Amino acid sequence: MSFKLTILGSNSAVPLIDRNPTSQLLNVNERFFLIDCGENTQVQLRKYGLSFQRIHHIFISHLHGDHYFGLIGLITSMHLLGRKKELHIYAHEQLKEIINIQLSASNTDLSFPLFFHNLSTNSEAILFEDDLITISNFLLDHTLNCSGFIFKEKKYKRRLDRKKIEHFNIHYNFFTSLMKGRDYIKDDVMIKNSELTRDPEFFHSYAFCSDTSFSKEIISRVKNIDVLYHETTFAKDVLERARETGHSTTHQAGQIAKRAKVKLLITGHYSQRYTDLSILLEETKEVFQNSMLSYSGMTFDFNTLYK
C-alpha cells in the first residue's frame, strides 16, 4: 500500500519566500489527508501537482494562524471549482465559527457539504477510521489548545502488487477487498487474488507533533512510531525563548524521538531567524542520528524505511 508524506510548508509563524507555514499531505493508498493548512497551502498543492479536490479530511492542530490561515482560501477554491463531495474538518470548536463568519461575510453558499468535528481540549480519541487507517489525536503543551495526530495503517492479510494493479487498471475501490484476500471480479472478469497481491510485509505509522513545549507525555503517545514529525522551532541556545513561546528545541525533539524509539525523525516549524537550517539538523543529530530536515516539496515514501 502506498504511504507517502508531502511537505507543503515547514516554516513557523512568518512566511518566507522559500519557506511556507505548516501544511502536509499524507497519501494512504490514494486517500488524501491534509494536516494543517497554513497560508498559501492551495498554491503549494498546485505547485507540486496534488489535487486538492481529492482531499476529504483536514486536520488542524490548533488555531494559531500559521496552521490554518490557508483554510478559507482552500475551501473557497473547492467551491468555485464545483466540488460536490463532502469535506470533513477536525479542529477545535472555534474554527467552525471562524469559517462560517468568513463564508457569511462573502455571501458564499458552498456547493458541497462541510462538516466540522470538534477536537477535545482535554481528551484523546480516534477521530477517523475506515478500512485502511485509524487516525487519533494526542494532547500537546502549547500556549493554547493544541493536538498532534497519529495515523496508523490497519493490518491486512495481503499487500497490493502496484505494478499488477496498474497493469489491469483496477480502481482503488477494490483495494480493501483485495487486501482481505478476495479475488477481483467485475463485469464477468475474474482475476485471482494471488496475481494481484503479495504476502504482507510492514504496516506504517506516522505521528504529527505540532507546536509544543517539551513533554514526557509525548513519548508514550508516539512509542515505536515509524516516522515522527516534531517541530524544532529553535536551536538549543535559546531554550528559554522556546519555553516562553510553548515550542521545542532541536535537542528536545531528538530526545523525544530517541526515547520513543521511532525509526525516523523529521523536523519542521523553523523560526525565520535561521537562514541556514543545517545547524538545527546537526544539533538534532547529536541526540538522534536518524533525523532529517523537512522542506517544501519534499515527499517521503514510508516504504523506503524497510529497504
C-alpha atoms as a PDB file:
ATOM      1  CA  MET A   1       0.000   0.000   0.000  1.00  0.00           C
ATOM      2  CA  SER A   2       1.244   3.496  -0.760  1.00  0.00           C
ATOM      3  CA  PHE A   3       2.008   5.610   2.295  1.00  0.00           C
ATOM      4  CA  LYS A   4       3.613   8.918   1.327  1.00  0.00           C
ATOM      5  CA  LEU A   5       4.048  12.254   3.047  1.00  0.00           C
ATOM      6  CA  THR A   6       4.462  15.512   1.127  1.00  0.00           C
ATOM      7  CA  ILE A   7       5.636  18.614   2.961  1.00  0.00           C
ATOM      8  CA  LEU A   8       3.856  21.723   1.693  1.00  0.00           C
ATOM      9  CA  GLY A   9       5.319  24.075   4.284  1.00  0.00           C
ATOM     10  CA  SER A  10       7.529  23.785   7.358  1.00  0.00           C
ATOM     11  CA  ASN A  11       8.279  27.308   8.495  1.00  0.00           C
ATOM     12  CA  SER A  12       6.992  28.930  11.666  1.00  0.00           C
ATOM     13  CA  ALA A  13       4.683  31.945  12.003  1.00  0.00           C
ATOM     14  CA  VAL A  14       6.114  34.294   9.353  1.00  0.00           C
ATOM     15  CA  PRO A  15       6.142  33.018   5.739  1.00  0.00           C
ATOM     16  CA  LEU A  16       9.381  33.378   3.789  1.00  0.00           C
ATOM     17  CA  ILE A  17       9.871  33.355   0.023  1.00  0.00           C
ATOM     18  CA  ASP A  18      11.114  29.780   0.021  1.00  0.00           C
ATOM     19  CA  ARG A  19       9.580  28.543   3.288  1.00  0.00           C
ATOM     20  CA  ASN A  20       5.820  28.350   3.777  1.00  0.00           C
ATOM     21  CA  PRO A  21       3.941  27.871   7.067  1.00  0.00           C
ATOM     22  CA  THR A  22       2.979  24.423   8.249  1.00  0.00           C
ATOM     23  CA  SER A  23       1.000  22.112   5.985  1.00  0.00           C
ATOM     24  CA  GLN A  24       1.362  18.479   4.907  1.00  0.00           C
ATOM     25  CA  LEU A  25      -0.443  15.991   2.715  1.00  0.00           C
ATOM     26  CA  LEU A  26      -0.483  12.304   3.629  1.00  0.00           C
ATOM     27  CA  ASN A  27      -1.388   9.810   0.896  1.00  0.00           C
ATOM     28  CA  VAL A  28      -2.596   6.484   2.276  1.00  0.00           C
ATOM     29  CA  ASN A  29      -3.390   4.280  -0.670  1.00  0.00           C
ATOM     30  CA  GLU A  30      -4.916   7.195  -2.629  1.00  0.00           C
ATOM     31  CA  ARG A  31      -6.793   8.542   0.377  1.00  0.00           C
ATOM     32  CA  PHE A  32      -5.509  12.076   0.940  1.00  0.00           C
ATOM     33  CA  PHE A  33      -5.361  13.684   4.375  1.00  0.00           C
ATOM     34  CA  LEU A  34      -4.363  17.333   4.802  1.00  0.00           C
ATOM     35  CA  ILE A  35      -2.569  18.118   8.060  1.00  0.00           C
ATOM     36  CA  ASP A  36      -2.686  21.800   8.992  1.00  0.00           C
ATOM     37  CA  CYS A  37      -3.302  24.434   6.360  1.00  0.00           C
ATOM     38  CA  GLY A  38      -1.029  27.431   6.690  1.00  0.00           C
ATOM     39  CA  GLU A  39      -1.090  30.404   4.362  1.00  0.00           C
ATOM     40  CA  ASN A  40      -0.510  29.549   0.654  1.00  0.00           C
ATOM     41  CA  THR A  41      -1.342  25.845   1.064  1.00  0.00           C
ATOM     42  CA  GLN A  42      -3.553  25.649  -2.018  1.00  0.00           C
ATOM     43  CA  VAL A  43      -0.808  27.189  -4.170  1.00  0.00           C
ATOM     44  CA  GLN A  44       1.662  24.653  -2.827  1.00  0.00           C
ATOM     45  CA  LEU A  45      -0.723  21.824  -3.701  1.00  0.00           C
ATOM     46  CA  ARG A  46      -0.913  23.103  -7.267  1.00  0.00           C
ATOM     47  CA  LYS A  47       2.830  23.641  -7.447  1.00  0.00           C
ATOM     48  CA  TYR A  48       3.534  20.009  -6.610  1.00  0.00           C
ATOM     49  CA  GLY A  49       0.770  18.544  -8.785  1.00  0.00           C
ATOM     50  CA  LEU A  50      -1.512  17.473  -5.943  1.00  0.00           C
ATOM     51  CA  SER A  51      -5.279  17.648  -6.437  1.00  0.00           C
ATOM     52  CA  PHE A  52      -6.973  19.350  -3.503  1.00  0.00           C
ATOM     53  CA  GLN A  53     -10.348  18.083  -4.709  1.00  0.00           C
ATOM     54  CA  ARG A  54      -9.238  14.602  -3.640  1.00  0.00           C
ATOM     55  CA  ILE A  55      -8.817  15.764  -0.050  1.00  0.00           C
ATOM     56  CA  HIS A  56     -11.803  14.768   2.079  1.00  0.00           C
ATOM     57  CA  HIS A  57     -10.366  15.091   5.598  1.00  0.00           C
ATOM     58  CA  ILE A  58      -8.436  18.047   7.030  1.00  0.00           C
ATOM     59  CA  PHE A  59      -6.825  18.010  10.481  1.00  0.00           C
ATOM     60  CA  ILE A  60      -5.966  21.341  12.143  1.00  0.00           C
ATOM     61  CA  SER A  61      -3.705  21.067  15.186  1.00  0.00           C
ATOM     62  CA  HIS A  62      -4.503  24.456  16.747  1.00  0.00           C
ATOM     63  CA  LEU A  63      -5.699  27.943  15.959  1.00  0.00           C
ATOM     64  CA  HIS A  64      -2.521  29.928  15.572  1.00  0.00           C
ATOM     65  CA  GLY A  65      -2.751  31.459  12.120  1.00  0.00           C
ATOM     66  CA  ASP A  66       0.288  29.781  10.624  1.00  0.00           C
ATOM     67  CA  HIS A  67      -1.560  26.485  10.969  1.00  0.00           C
ATOM     68  CA  TYR A  68      -4.911  27.411   9.416  1.00  0.00           C
ATOM     69  CA  PHE A  69      -4.854  30.781   7.595  1.00  0.00           C
ATOM     70  CA  GLY A  70      -4.886  28.959   4.241  1.00  0.00           C
ATOM     71  CA  LEU A  71      -8.090  27.087   5.006  1.00  0.00           C
ATOM     72  CA  ILE A  72     -10.745  29.597   3.923  1.00  0.00           C
ATOM     73  CA  GLY A  73      -8.957  30.098   0.600  1.00  0.00           C
ATOM     74  CA  LEU A  74      -8.756  26.365   0.004  1.00  0.00           C
ATOM     75  CA  ILE A  75     -12.428  25.857   0.856  1.00  0.00           C
ATOM     76  CA  THR A  76     -13.468  28.735  -1.410  1.00  0.00           C
ATOM     77  CA  SER A  77     -11.439  27.394  -4.336  1.00  0.00           C
ATOM     78  CA  MET A  78     -13.000  23.958  -3.894  1.00  0.00           C
ATOM     79  CA  HIS A  79     -16.391  25.673  -4.106  1.00  0.00           C
ATOM     80  CA  LEU A  80     -15.524  27.801  -7.143  1.00  0.00           C
ATOM     81  CA  LEU A  81     -14.318  24.720  -8.978  1.00  0.00           C
ATOM     82  CA  GLY A  82     -17.669  22.988  -8.430  1.00  0.00           C
ATOM     83  CA  ARG A  83     -16.829  20.497  -5.725  1.00  0.00           C
ATOM     84  CA  LYS A  84     -19.742  18.228  -4.772  1.00  0.00           C
ATOM     85  CA  LYS A  85     -18.165  15.712  -2.415  1.00  0.00           C
ATOM     86  CA  GLU A  86     -18.311  16.384   1.309  1.00  0.00           C
ATOM     87  CA  LEU A  87     -15.365  17.747   3.268  1.00  0.00           C
ATOM     88  CA  HIS A  88     -14.599  16.975   6.919  1.00  0.00           C
ATOM     89  CA  ILE A  89     -12.556  19.272   9.153  1.00  0.00           C
ATOM     90  CA  TYR A  90     -11.211  18.159  12.530  1.00  0.00           C
ATOM     91  CA  ALA A  91     -10.300  21.108  14.745  1.00  0.00           C
ATOM     92  CA  HIS A  92     -11.064  22.965  17.953  1.00  0.00           C
ATOM     93  CA  GLU A  93     -14.605  24.261  18.063  1.00  0.00           C
ATOM     94  CA  GLN A  94     -13.821  27.954  17.445  1.00  0.00           C
ATOM     95  CA  LEU A  95     -12.735  27.175  13.902  1.00  0.00           C
ATOM     96  CA  LYS A  96     -16.281  26.392  12.829  1.00  0.00           C
ATOM     97  CA  GLU A  97     -17.389  29.880  13.840  1.00  0.00           C
ATOM     98  CA  ILE A  98     -14.387  31.475  12.135  1.00  0.00           C
ATOM     99  CA  ILE A  99     -15.036  29.725   8.824  1.00  0.00           C
ATOM    100  CA  ASN A 100     -18.790  30.312   8.927  1.00  0.00           C
ATOM    101  CA  ILE A 101     -18.270  34.040   9.562  1.00  0.00           C
ATOM    102  CA  GLN A 102     -15.938  34.258   6.579  1.00  0.00           C
ATOM    103  CA  LEU A 103     -18.375  32.412   4.335  1.00  0.00           C
ATOM    104  CA  SER A 104     -21.271  34.537   5.539  1.00  0.00           C
ATOM    105  CA  ALA A 105     -19.365  37.797   5.039  1.00  0.00           C
ATOM    106  CA  SER A 106     -18.687  36.874   1.417  1.00  0.00           C
ATOM    107  CA  ASN A 107     -22.245  35.598   0.909  1.00  0.00           C
ATOM    108  CA  THR A 108     -20.879  32.195  -0.074  1.00  0.00           C
ATOM    109  CA  ASP A 109     -23.207  29.201  -0.116  1.00  0.00           C
ATOM    110  CA  LEU A 110     -20.894  26.235  -0.584  1.00  0.00           C
ATOM    111  CA  SER A 111     -21.544  23.775  -3.397  1.00  0.00           C
ATOM    112  CA  PHE A 112     -20.579  20.848  -1.154  1.00  0.00           C
ATOM    113  CA  PRO A 113     -21.393  19.636   2.378  1.00  0.00           C
ATOM    114  CA  LEU A 114     -18.900  20.837   5.006  1.00  0.00           C
ATOM    115  CA  PHE A 115     -18.705  19.026   8.338  1.00  0.00           C
ATOM    116  CA  PHE A 116     -16.800  20.114  11.445  1.00  0.00           C
ATOM    117  CA  HIS A 117     -15.617  17.644  14.073  1.00  0.00           C
ATOM    118  CA  ASN A 118     -14.539  19.193  17.368  1.00  0.00           C
ATOM    119  CA  LEU A 119     -11.223  18.264  18.953  1.00  0.00           C
ATOM    120  CA  SER A 120     -11.495  17.880  22.693  1.00  0.00           C
ATOM    121  CA  THR A 121      -9.342  20.191  24.783  1.00  0.00           C
ATOM    122  CA  ASN A 122      -8.720  17.585  27.478  1.00  0.00           C
ATOM    123  CA  SER A 123      -9.073  14.105  25.992  1.00  0.00           C
ATOM    124  CA  GLU A 124      -7.688  11.923  23.218  1.00  0.00           C
ATOM    125  CA  ALA A 125      -9.753   9.803  20.858  1.00  0.00           C
ATOM    126  CA  ILE A 126      -9.998   8.119  17.481  1.00  0.00           C
ATOM    127  CA  LEU A 127     -11.046  10.879  15.082  1.00  0.00           C
ATOM    128  CA  PHE A 128     -11.462   8.875  11.892  1.00  0.00           C
ATOM    129  CA  GLU A 129     -11.371   5.230  10.927  1.00  0.00           C
ATOM    130  CA  ASP A 130     -12.011   3.315   7.720  1.00  0.00           C
ATOM    131  CA  ASP A 131     -10.914   0.009   6.204  1.00  0.00           C
ATOM    132  CA  LEU A 132      -7.331   1.214   5.757  1.00  0.00           C
ATOM    133  CA  ILE A 133      -6.370   3.570   8.550  1.00  0.00           C
ATOM    134  CA  THR A 134      -7.037   4.789  12.077  1.00  0.00           C
ATOM    135  CA  ILE A 135      -6.421   8.454  12.949  1.00  0.00           C
ATOM    136  CA  SER A 136      -6.295   9.708  16.523  1.00  0.00           C
ATOM    137  CA  ASN A 137      -5.195  12.827  18.367  1.00  0.00           C
ATOM    138  CA  PHE A 138      -2.877  13.341  21.313  1.00  0.00           C
ATOM    139  CA  LEU A 139      -2.669  16.424  23.537  1.00  0.00           C
ATOM    140  CA  LEU A 140       0.270  18.819  23.339  1.00  0.00           C
ATOM    141  CA  ASP A 141       1.567  21.504  25.694  1.00  0.00           C
ATOM    142  CA  HIS A 142       1.379  24.792  23.798  1.00  0.00           C
ATOM    143  CA  THR A 143       0.186  28.312  24.626  1.00  0.00           C
ATOM    144  CA  LEU A 144      -3.359  27.386  23.595  1.00  0.00           C
ATOM    145  CA  ASN A 145      -5.244  24.144  22.984  1.00  0.00           C
ATOM    146  CA  CYS A 146      -3.222  22.005  20.604  1.00  0.00           C
ATOM    147  CA  SER A 147      -3.229  18.408  19.393  1.00  0.00           C
ATOM    148  CA  GLY A 148      -0.924  16.158  17.475  1.00  0.00           C
ATOM    149  CA  PHE A 149      -2.213  13.412  15.181  1.00  0.00           C
ATOM    150  CA  ILE A 150      -1.303   9.746  14.751  1.00  0.00           C
ATOM    151  CA  PHE A 151      -2.006   7.859  11.527  1.00  0.00           C
ATOM    152  CA  LYS A 152      -1.815   4.062  11.720  1.00  0.00           C
ATOM    153  CA  GLU A 153      -2.275   1.716   8.814  1.00  0.00           C
ATOM    154  CA  LYS A 154      -4.516  -1.238   9.572  1.00  0.00           C
ATOM    155  CA  LYS A 155      -3.115  -4.728   9.292  1.00  0.00           C
ATOM    156  CA  TYR A 156      -4.393  -6.876   6.451  1.00  0.00           C
ATOM    157  CA  LYS A 157      -3.544 -10.313   5.159  1.00  0.00           C
ATOM    158  CA  ARG A 158      -2.360  -9.207   1.734  1.00  0.00           C
ATOM    159  CA  ARG A 159      -0.462  -6.283   0.196  1.00  0.00           C
ATOM    160  CA  LEU A 160      -1.189  -4.894  -3.247  1.00  0.00           C
ATOM    161  CA  ASP A 161       1.191  -5.507  -6.137  1.00  0.00           C
ATOM    162  CA  ARG A 162       1.263  -1.977  -7.547  1.00  0.00           C
ATOM    163  CA  LYS A 163       2.536  -2.950 -10.983  1.00  0.00           C
ATOM    164  CA  LYS A 164      -0.196  -5.559 -11.406  1.00  0.00           C
ATOM    165  CA  ILE A 165      -2.862  -3.151 -10.150  1.00  0.00           C
ATOM    166  CA  GLU A 166      -1.794  -0.563 -12.708  1.00  0.00           C
ATOM    167  CA  HIS A 167      -1.492  -3.159 -15.470  1.00  0.00           C
ATOM    168  CA  PHE A 168      -5.091  -4.293 -15.004  1.00  0.00           C
ATOM    169  CA  ASN A 169      -6.282  -0.709 -14.330  1.00  0.00           C
ATOM    170  CA  ILE A 170      -8.047  -1.708 -11.111  1.00  0.00           C
ATOM    171  CA  HIS A 171      -9.942   1.060  -9.338  1.00  0.00           C
ATOM    172  CA  TYR A 172      -8.965   1.844  -5.728  1.00  0.00           C
ATOM    173  CA  ASN A 173     -12.482   0.961  -4.557  1.00  0.00           C
ATOM    174  CA  PHE A 174     -11.411  -2.692  -4.861  1.00  0.00           C
ATOM    175  CA  PHE A 175      -8.201  -2.301  -2.825  1.00  0.00           C
ATOM    176  CA  THR A 176      -9.644  -3.191   0.568  1.00  0.00           C
ATOM    177  CA  SER A 177     -11.303  -6.400  -0.605  1.00  0.00           C
ATOM    178  CA  LEU A 178      -8.096  -7.442  -2.360  1.00  0.00           C
ATOM    179  CA  MET A 179      -6.082  -6.886   0.819  1.00  0.00           C
ATOM    180  CA  LYS A 180      -8.557  -9.074   2.653  1.00  0.00           C
ATOM    181  CA  GLY A 181      -7.725 -11.896   0.250  1.00  0.00           C
ATOM    182  CA  ARG A 182     -10.688 -11.727  -2.113  1.00  0.00           C
ATOM    183  CA  ASP A 183     -10.457 -12.222  -5.865  1.00  0.00           C
ATOM    184  CA  TYR A 184     -11.134  -9.339  -8.248  1.00  0.00           C
ATOM    185  CA  ILE A 185     -14.476  -9.687 -10.005  1.00  0.00           C
ATOM    186  CA  LYS A 186     -16.010  -7.055 -12.261  1.00  0.00           C
ATOM    187  CA  ASP A 187     -18.104  -7.280 -15.443  1.00  0.00           C
ATOM    188  CA  ASP A 188     -17.588 -11.060 -15.687  1.00  0.00           C
ATOM    189  CA  VAL A 189     -13.819 -10.608 -15.391  1.00  0.00           C
ATOM    190  CA  MET A 190     -12.172 -12.551 -12.577  1.00  0.00           C
ATOM    191  CA  ILE A 191      -8.520 -12.274 -11.529  1.00  0.00           C
ATOM    192  CA  LYS A 192      -7.180 -14.459  -8.739  1.00  0.00           C
ATOM    193  CA  ASN A 193      -6.069 -12.608  -5.650  1.00  0.00           C
ATOM    194  CA  SER A 194      -2.648 -14.240  -5.802  1.00  0.00           C
ATOM    195  CA  GLU A 195      -1.991 -12.458  -9.113  1.00  0.00           C
ATOM    196  CA  LEU A 196      -2.686  -9.019  -7.651  1.00  0.00           C
ATOM    197  CA  THR A 197      -1.284  -9.183  -4.127  1.00  0.00           C
ATOM    198  CA  ARG A 198       1.747 -10.259  -2.158  1.00  0.00           C
ATOM    199  CA  ASP A 199       2.359 -11.512   1.344  1.00  0.00           C
ATOM    200  CA  PRO A 200       2.209  -8.723   3.950  1.00  0.00           C
ATOM    201  CA  GLU A 201       5.454  -7.019   4.919  1.00  0.00           C
ATOM    202  CA  PHE A 202       5.161  -3.922   7.064  1.00  0.00           C
ATOM    203  CA  PHE A 203       2.429  -1.675   8.407  1.00  0.00           C
ATOM    204  CA  HIS A 204       3.132   2.034   8.502  1.00  0.00           C
ATOM    205  CA  SER A 205       2.527   4.664  11.153  1.00  0.00           C
ATOM    206  CA  TYR A 206       3.064   8.418  11.300  1.00  0.00           C
ATOM    207  CA  ALA A 207       2.869  10.956  14.130  1.00  0.00           C
ATOM    208  CA  PHE A 208       2.497  14.694  13.526  1.00  0.00           C
ATOM    209  CA  CYS A 209       3.667  16.614  16.588  1.00  0.00           C
ATOM    210  CA  SER A 210       2.715  20.250  16.185  1.00  0.00           C
ATOM    211  CA  ASP A 211       3.770  23.218  18.344  1.00  0.00           C
ATOM    212  CA  THR A 212       4.557  22.058  21.871  1.00  0.00           C
ATOM    213  CA  SER A 213       6.827  22.526  24.819  1.00  0.00           C
ATOM    214  CA  PHE A 214       8.927  19.515  25.749  1.00  0.00           C
ATOM    215  CA  SER A 215       6.643  16.970  27.411  1.00  0.00           C
ATOM    216  CA  LYS A 216       7.451  13.448  28.546  1.00  0.00           C
ATOM    217  CA  GLU A 217       3.808  12.568  27.905  1.00  0.00           C
ATOM    218  CA  ILE A 218       4.500  12.671  24.164  1.00  0.00           C
ATOM    219  CA  ILE A 219       6.932   9.761  24.417  1.00  0.00           C
ATOM    220  CA  SER A 220       4.282   7.202  25.309  1.00  0.00           C
ATOM    221  CA  ARG A 221       1.946   8.550  22.615  1.00  0.00           C
ATOM    222  CA  VAL A 222       4.442   8.114  19.778  1.00  0.00           C
ATOM    223  CA  LYS A 223       6.213   4.995  21.070  1.00  0.00           C
ATOM    224  CA  ASN A 224       7.593   2.839  18.208  1.00  0.00           C
ATOM    225  CA  ILE A 225       6.015   5.024  15.511  1.00  0.00           C
ATOM    226  CA  ASP A 226       7.709   4.681  12.126  1.00  0.00           C
ATOM    227  CA  VAL A 227       8.082   8.387  11.368  1.00  0.00           C
ATOM    228  CA  LEU A 228       7.738  11.268  13.811  1.00  0.00           C
ATOM    229  CA  TYR A 229       7.373  14.846  12.619  1.00  0.00           C
ATOM    230  CA  HIS A 230       8.304  17.107  15.523  1.00  0.00           C
ATOM    231  CA  GLU A 231       8.628  20.879  15.394  1.00  0.00           C
ATOM    232  CA  THR A 232      12.067  22.249  16.299  1.00  0.00           C
ATOM    233  CA  THR A 233      11.449  25.970  16.204  1.00  0.00           C
ATOM    234  CA  PHE A 234      14.656  26.920  17.994  1.00  0.00           C
ATOM    235  CA  ALA A 235      18.237  25.790  18.461  1.00  0.00           C
ATOM    236  CA  LYS A 236      19.331  24.678  21.914  1.00  0.00           C
ATOM    237  CA  ASP A 237      20.922  28.031  22.819  1.00  0.00           C
ATOM    238  CA  VAL A 238      17.503  29.724  23.046  1.00  0.00           C
ATOM    239  CA  LEU A 239      15.856  27.221  25.364  1.00  0.00           C
ATOM    240  CA  GLU A 240      14.217  29.960  27.448  1.00  0.00           C
ATOM    241  CA  ARG A 241      12.624  31.501  24.368  1.00  0.00           C
ATOM    242  CA  ALA A 242      11.265  28.083  23.452  1.00  0.00           C
ATOM    243  CA  ARG A 243       9.740  27.711  26.910  1.00  0.00           C
ATOM    244  CA  GLU A 244       8.185  31.192  26.785  1.00  0.00           C
ATOM    245  CA  THR A 245       6.500  30.535  23.440  1.00  0.00           C
ATOM    246  CA  GLY A 246       5.464  26.932  24.005  1.00  0.00           C
ATOM    247  CA  HIS A 247       7.851  25.428  21.479  1.00  0.00           C
ATOM    248  CA  SER A 248      10.637  22.839  21.393  1.00  0.00           C
ATOM    249  CA  THR A 249      14.329  22.938  20.612  1.00  0.00           C
ATOM    250  CA  THR A 250      16.446  20.719  18.414  1.00  0.00           C
ATOM    251  CA  HIS A 251      17.695  18.663  21.365  1.00  0.00           C
ATOM    252  CA  GLN A 252      14.239  18.232  22.856  1.00  0.00           C
ATOM    253  CA  ALA A 253      12.800  16.847  19.615  1.00  0.00           C
ATOM    254  CA  GLY A 254      15.750  14.475  19.389  1.00  0.00           C
ATOM    255  CA  GLN A 255      15.153  13.309  22.951  1.00  0.00           C
ATOM    256  CA  ILE A 256      11.513  12.539  22.222  1.00  0.00           C
ATOM    257  CA  ALA A 257      12.459  10.544  19.120  1.00  0.00           C
ATOM    258  CA  LYS A 258      15.203   8.622  20.904  1.00  0.00           C
ATOM    259  CA  ARG A 259      13.162   7.735  23.957  1.00  0.00           C
ATOM    260  CA  ALA A 260      10.109   6.815  21.877  1.00  0.00           C
ATOM    261  CA  LYS A 261      12.281   4.560  19.677  1.00  0.00           C
ATOM    262  CA  VAL A 262      10.882   5.876  16.405  1.00  0.00           C
ATOM    263  CA  LYS A 263      12.563   4.881  13.163  1.00  0.00           C
ATOM    264  CA  LEU A 264      12.913   8.369  11.670  1.00  0.00           C
ATOM    265  CA  LEU A 265      12.559  11.934  12.935  1.00  0.00           C
ATOM    266  CA  ILE A 266      11.560  14.711  10.530  1.00  0.00           C
ATOM    267  CA  THR A 267      11.801  18.221  11.945  1.00  0.00           C
ATOM    268  CA  GLY A 268       9.978  21.405  10.955  1.00  0.00           C
ATOM    269  CA  HIS A 269       8.340  24.699  12.027  1.00  0.00           C
ATOM    270  CA  TYR A 270      11.633  26.559  11.813  1.00  0.00           C
ATOM    271  CA  SER A 271      11.939  30.095  13.130  1.00  0.00           C
ATOM    272  CA  GLN A 272      12.604  32.712  10.461  1.00  0.00           C
ATOM    273  CA  ARG A 273      15.733  33.710  12.405  1.00  0.00           C
ATOM    274  CA  TYR A 274      17.512  30.707  10.827  1.00  0.00           C
ATOM    275  CA  THR A 275      18.602  31.169   7.230  1.00  0.00           C
ATOM    276  CA  ASP A 276      20.877  28.136   7.442  1.00  0.00           C
ATOM    277  CA  LEU A 277      18.895  25.194   8.767  1.00  0.00           C
ATOM    278  CA  SER A 278      21.882  22.868   8.886  1.00  0.00           C
ATOM    279  CA  ILE A 279      22.665  23.982  12.435  1.00  0.00           C
ATOM    280  CA  LEU A 280      19.257  22.722  13.545  1.00  0.00           C
ATOM    281  CA  LEU A 281      19.828  19.353  11.894  1.00  0.00           C
ATOM    282  CA  GLU A 282      23.311  18.985  13.360  1.00  0.00           C
ATOM    283  CA  GLU A 283      22.022  19.662  16.861  1.00  0.00           C
ATOM    284  CA  THR A 284      19.142  17.208  16.492  1.00  0.00           C
ATOM    285  CA  LYS A 285      21.505  14.516  15.240  1.00  0.00           C
ATOM    286  CA  GLU A 286      23.627  14.952  18.350  1.00  0.00           C
ATOM    287  CA  VAL A 287      20.749  13.251  20.149  1.00  0.00           C
ATOM    288  CA  PHE A 288      19.022  11.194  17.445  1.00  0.00           C
ATOM    289  CA  GLN A 289      21.112  10.333  14.403  1.00  0.00           C
ATOM    290  CA  ASN A 290      18.323   9.244  12.061  1.00  0.00           C
ATOM    291  CA  SER A 291      16.911  12.754  11.649  1.00  0.00           C
ATOM    292  CA  MET A 292      16.203  14.884   8.620  1.00  0.00           C
ATOM    293  CA  LEU A 293      15.008  18.397   7.797  1.00  0.00           C
ATOM    294  CA  SER A 294      11.684  18.987   6.101  1.00  0.00           C
ATOM    295  CA  TYR A 295      11.358  21.414   3.195  1.00  0.00           C
ATOM    296  CA  SER A 296       8.622  22.478   0.810  1.00  0.00           C
ATOM    297  CA  GLY A 297       8.024  19.869  -1.869  1.00  0.00           C
ATOM    298  CA  MET A 298       9.756  17.047  -0.017  1.00  0.00           C
ATOM    299  CA  THR A 299       7.992  13.702  -0.448  1.00  0.00           C
ATOM    300  CA  PHE A 300       8.835  10.802   1.809  1.00  0.00           C
ATOM    301  CA  ASP A 301       7.812   7.263   0.888  1.00  0.00           C
ATOM    302  CA  PHE A 302       7.404   5.174   4.032  1.00  0.00           C
ATOM    303  CA  ASN A 303       8.245   2.011   2.105  1.00  0.00           C
ATOM    304  CA  THR A 304      11.865   3.178   1.903  1.00  0.00           C
ATOM    305  CA  LEU A 305      12.206   2.651   5.647  1.00  0.00           C
ATOM    306  CA  TYR A 306      12.442  -1.085   5.045  1.00  0.00           C
ATOM    307  CA  LYS A 307      14.839  -1.159   2.107  1.00  0.00           C
END
